[in-house]
């Protein structure tokens, strides 16, 4: 994804693999920011997103999620819940209505190797 560069080039991405720093049990959402996406439009232009999530970082509700440091430290953050099921656009039913076609979660602990900083 480092090669995307311009925001409009994200439309060429079929599959994006990212690690989320936070999951929200109440809504089934994951937090993605400019740190994970590198180019913000990847979260909406990619056809499929695979999200790696450490179960230890799942909070119970949206109130706990908004206390996450990303909402104070990062310029861009989104709580993504997956593809929109369907909508009526111009009298036509569209599946999925907007955003990614699939959002797949892979649960597993974050392995910080010696020399790695942070919890990204």
C-alpha atoms as a PDB file:
ATOM      1  CA  UNK A   1       0.000   0.000   0.000  1.00  0.00           C
ATOM      2  CA  UNK A   2       2.992   2.302   0.342  1.00  0.00           C
ATOM      3  CA  UNK A   3       2.952   2.729  -3.443  1.00  0.00           C
ATOM      4  CA  UNK A   4      -0.532   4.260  -3.551  1.00  0.00           C
ATOM      5  CA  UNK A   5       0.661   7.814  -2.894  1.00  0.00           C
ATOM      6  CA  UNK A   6      -2.240   9.861  -4.272  1.00  0.00           C
ATOM      7  CA  UNK A   7      -5.671   9.380  -2.673  1.00  0.00           C
ATOM      8  CA  UNK A   8      -7.299   8.702  -6.051  1.00  0.00           C
ATOM      9  CA  UNK A   9      -4.955   5.780  -6.795  1.00  0.00           C
ATOM     10  CA  UNK A  10      -6.650   3.776  -4.033  1.00  0.00           C
ATOM     11  CA  UNK A  11      -9.431   2.896  -6.494  1.00  0.00           C
ATOM     12  CA  UNK A  12      -7.001   0.388  -8.054  1.00  0.00           C
ATOM     13  CA  UNK A  13      -6.743  -1.678  -4.843  1.00  0.00           C
ATOM     14  CA  UNK A  14      -8.656  -4.945  -4.735  1.00  0.00           C
ATOM     15  CA  UNK A  15      -7.613  -6.222  -1.283  1.00  0.00           C
ATOM     16  CA  UNK A  16      -6.185  -4.264   1.648  1.00  0.00           C
ATOM     17  CA  UNK A  17      -4.777  -5.962   4.760  1.00  0.00           C
ATOM     18  CA  UNK A  18      -4.567  -3.786   7.878  1.00  0.00           C
ATOM     19  CA  UNK A  19      -4.209  -4.232  11.643  1.00  0.00           C
ATOM     20  CA  UNK A  20      -6.739  -2.389  13.770  1.00  0.00           C
ATOM     21  CA  UNK A  21      -5.728  -0.947  17.139  1.00  0.00           C
ATOM     22  CA  UNK A  22      -9.280  -1.289  18.525  1.00  0.00           C
ATOM     23  CA  UNK A  23     -12.475  -3.300  18.143  1.00  0.00           C
ATOM     24  CA  UNK A  24     -15.928  -2.386  19.494  1.00  0.00           C
ATOM     25  CA  UNK A  25     -18.078  -5.300  20.656  1.00  0.00           C
ATOM     26  CA  UNK A  26     -21.320  -3.270  20.793  1.00  0.00           C
ATOM     27  CA  UNK A  27     -21.260  -2.334  17.095  1.00  0.00           C
ATOM     28  CA  UNK A  28     -18.884  -4.888  15.591  1.00  0.00           C
ATOM     29  CA  UNK A  29     -16.702  -1.987  14.443  1.00  0.00           C
ATOM     30  CA  UNK A  30     -12.954  -1.672  14.068  1.00  0.00           C
ATOM     31  CA  UNK A  31     -10.946   1.512  14.337  1.00  0.00           C
ATOM     32  CA  UNK A  32      -8.880   2.464  11.307  1.00  0.00           C
ATOM     33  CA  UNK A  33      -6.834   5.627  10.995  1.00  0.00           C
ATOM     34  CA  UNK A  34      -4.320   7.239   8.711  1.00  0.00           C
ATOM     35  CA  UNK A  35      -1.690   5.150  10.508  1.00  0.00           C
ATOM     36  CA  UNK A  36      -3.225   1.853   9.346  1.00  0.00           C
ATOM     37  CA  UNK A  37      -4.614   2.908   5.970  1.00  0.00           C
ATOM     38  CA  UNK A  38      -1.682   5.139   4.904  1.00  0.00           C
ATOM     39  CA  UNK A  39      -4.072   6.715   2.391  1.00  0.00           C
ATOM     40  CA  UNK A  40      -7.518   7.335   3.917  1.00  0.00           C
ATOM     41  CA  UNK A  41      -9.473   6.468   0.772  1.00  0.00           C
ATOM     42  CA  UNK A  42      -8.208   2.869   0.873  1.00  0.00           C
ATOM     43  CA  UNK A  43     -10.852   2.179   3.515  1.00  0.00           C
ATOM     44  CA  UNK A  44     -13.587   3.030   1.021  1.00  0.00           C
ATOM     45  CA  UNK A  45     -12.147   2.297  -2.422  1.00  0.00           C
ATOM     46  CA  UNK A  46     -10.672  -1.154  -1.744  1.00  0.00           C
ATOM     47  CA  UNK A  47     -12.997  -3.973  -2.818  1.00  0.00           C
ATOM     48  CA  UNK A  48     -12.109  -6.174   0.153  1.00  0.00           C
ATOM     49  CA  UNK A  49     -10.492  -5.377   3.505  1.00  0.00           C
ATOM     50  CA  UNK A  50      -8.905  -7.939   5.789  1.00  0.00           C
ATOM     51  CA  UNK A  51      -8.513  -6.630   9.338  1.00  0.00           C
ATOM     52  CA  UNK A  52      -6.187  -8.209  11.871  1.00  0.00           C
ATOM     53  CA  UNK A  53      -7.360  -7.608  15.444  1.00  0.00           C
ATOM     54  CA  UNK A  54      -5.939  -8.624  18.804  1.00  0.00           C
ATOM     55  CA  UNK A  55      -8.894  -9.731  20.984  1.00  0.00           C
ATOM     56  CA  UNK A  56      -7.273  -7.924  23.931  1.00  0.00           C
ATOM     57  CA  UNK A  57      -8.051  -4.554  22.318  1.00  0.00           C
ATOM     58  CA  UNK A  58     -11.811  -5.115  21.980  1.00  0.00           C
ATOM     59  CA  UNK A  59     -13.767  -2.687  24.159  1.00  0.00           C
ATOM     60  CA  UNK A  60     -17.381  -3.271  25.231  1.00  0.00           C
ATOM     61  CA  UNK A  61     -19.086  -0.190  23.823  1.00  0.00           C
ATOM     62  CA  UNK A  62     -18.815   2.956  21.731  1.00  0.00           C
ATOM     63  CA  UNK A  63     -18.230   5.117  24.824  1.00  0.00           C
ATOM     64  CA  UNK A  64     -15.061   3.181  25.644  1.00  0.00           C
ATOM     65  CA  UNK A  65     -14.008   3.365  21.994  1.00  0.00           C
ATOM     66  CA  UNK A  66     -14.166   7.165  21.912  1.00  0.00           C
ATOM     67  CA  UNK A  67     -11.774   7.274  24.873  1.00  0.00           C
ATOM     68  CA  UNK A  68      -9.099   5.602  22.710  1.00  0.00           C
ATOM     69  CA  UNK A  69      -6.042   7.885  22.251  1.00  0.00           C
ATOM     70  CA  UNK A  70      -6.421   7.865  18.450  1.00  0.00           C
ATOM     71  CA  UNK A  71      -9.356  10.223  18.694  1.00  0.00           C
ATOM     72  CA  UNK A  72      -7.077  12.820  20.332  1.00  0.00           C
ATOM     73  CA  UNK A  73      -3.779  12.116  18.564  1.00  0.00           C
ATOM     74  CA  UNK A  74      -4.660  11.233  14.969  1.00  0.00           C
ATOM     75  CA  UNK A  75      -6.047  13.612  12.353  1.00  0.00           C
ATOM     76  CA  UNK A  76      -8.232  10.935  10.697  1.00  0.00           C
ATOM     77  CA  UNK A  77      -9.942   7.938  12.296  1.00  0.00           C
ATOM     78  CA  UNK A  78     -13.026   5.930  11.335  1.00  0.00           C
ATOM     79  CA  UNK A  79     -14.980   3.208  13.078  1.00  0.00           C
ATOM     80  CA  UNK A  80     -15.704   0.789  10.243  1.00  0.00           C
ATOM     81  CA  UNK A  81     -18.434  -1.805  10.587  1.00  0.00           C
ATOM     82  CA  UNK A  82     -18.313  -3.510   7.216  1.00  0.00           C
ATOM     83  CA  UNK A  83     -20.186  -3.288   3.956  1.00  0.00           C
ATOM     84  CA  UNK A  84     -23.550  -1.615   3.744  1.00  0.00           C
ATOM     85  CA  UNK A  85     -26.193  -4.262   3.051  1.00  0.00           C
ATOM     86  CA  UNK A  86     -28.390  -2.582   0.479  1.00  0.00           C
ATOM     87  CA  UNK A  87     -30.055   0.685  -0.400  1.00  0.00           C
ATOM     88  CA  UNK A  88     -32.462   2.127  -2.892  1.00  0.00           C
ATOM     89  CA  UNK A  89     -30.592   4.375  -5.295  1.00  0.00           C
ATOM     90  CA  UNK A  90     -32.736   5.854  -8.042  1.00  0.00           C
ATOM     91  CA  UNK A  91     -35.389   3.160  -7.651  1.00  0.00           C
ATOM     92  CA  UNK A  92     -32.839   0.339  -7.930  1.00  0.00           C
ATOM     93  CA  UNK A  93     -31.688  -1.891  -5.081  1.00  0.00           C
ATOM     94  CA  UNK A  94     -27.911  -1.928  -4.892  1.00  0.00           C
ATOM     95  CA  UNK A  95     -25.879  -4.632  -3.047  1.00  0.00           C
ATOM     96  CA  UNK A  96     -23.598  -3.593  -1.354  1.00  0.00           C
ATOM     97  CA  UNK A  97     -24.754  -0.016  -1.235  1.00  0.00           C
ATOM     98  CA  UNK A  98     -21.440   1.641  -0.538  1.00  0.00           C
ATOM     99  CA  UNK A  99     -17.902   1.024   0.560  1.00  0.00           C
ATOM    100  CA  UNK A 100     -16.111  -2.293   0.569  1.00  0.00           C
ATOM    101  CA  UNK A 101     -17.610  -5.522  -0.752  1.00  0.00           C
ATOM    102  CA  UNK A 102     -16.270  -7.616   2.171  1.00  0.00           C
ATOM    103  CA  UNK A 103     -14.663  -6.915   5.520  1.00  0.00           C
ATOM    104  CA  UNK A 104     -12.982  -9.989   6.998  1.00  0.00           C
ATOM    105  CA  UNK A 105     -11.706 -10.149  10.579  1.00  0.00           C
ATOM    106  CA  UNK A 106      -8.731 -12.268  11.620  1.00  0.00           C
ATOM    107  CA  UNK A 107      -8.289 -12.512  15.373  1.00  0.00           C
ATOM    108  CA  UNK A 108      -4.867 -13.039  16.813  1.00  0.00           C
ATOM    109  CA  UNK A 109      -2.512 -11.542  19.344  1.00  0.00           C
ATOM    110  CA  UNK A 110      -0.174  -8.837  18.252  1.00  0.00           C
ATOM    111  CA  UNK A 111       3.372 -10.151  18.182  1.00  0.00           C
ATOM    112  CA  UNK A 112       5.817  -7.393  18.994  1.00  0.00           C
ATOM    113  CA  UNK A 113       9.248  -8.517  17.906  1.00  0.00           C
ATOM    114  CA  UNK A 114      12.393  -7.165  19.501  1.00  0.00           C
ATOM    115  CA  UNK A 115      13.090  -3.722  18.140  1.00  0.00           C
ATOM    116  CA  UNK A 116       9.492  -2.912  17.150  1.00  0.00           C
ATOM    117  CA  UNK A 117       7.979   0.121  18.769  1.00  0.00           C
ATOM    118  CA  UNK A 118       4.390   0.840  19.656  1.00  0.00           C
ATOM    119  CA  UNK A 119       1.313  -1.320  19.280  1.00  0.00           C
ATOM    120  CA  UNK A 120       0.415  -0.664  15.667  1.00  0.00           C
END
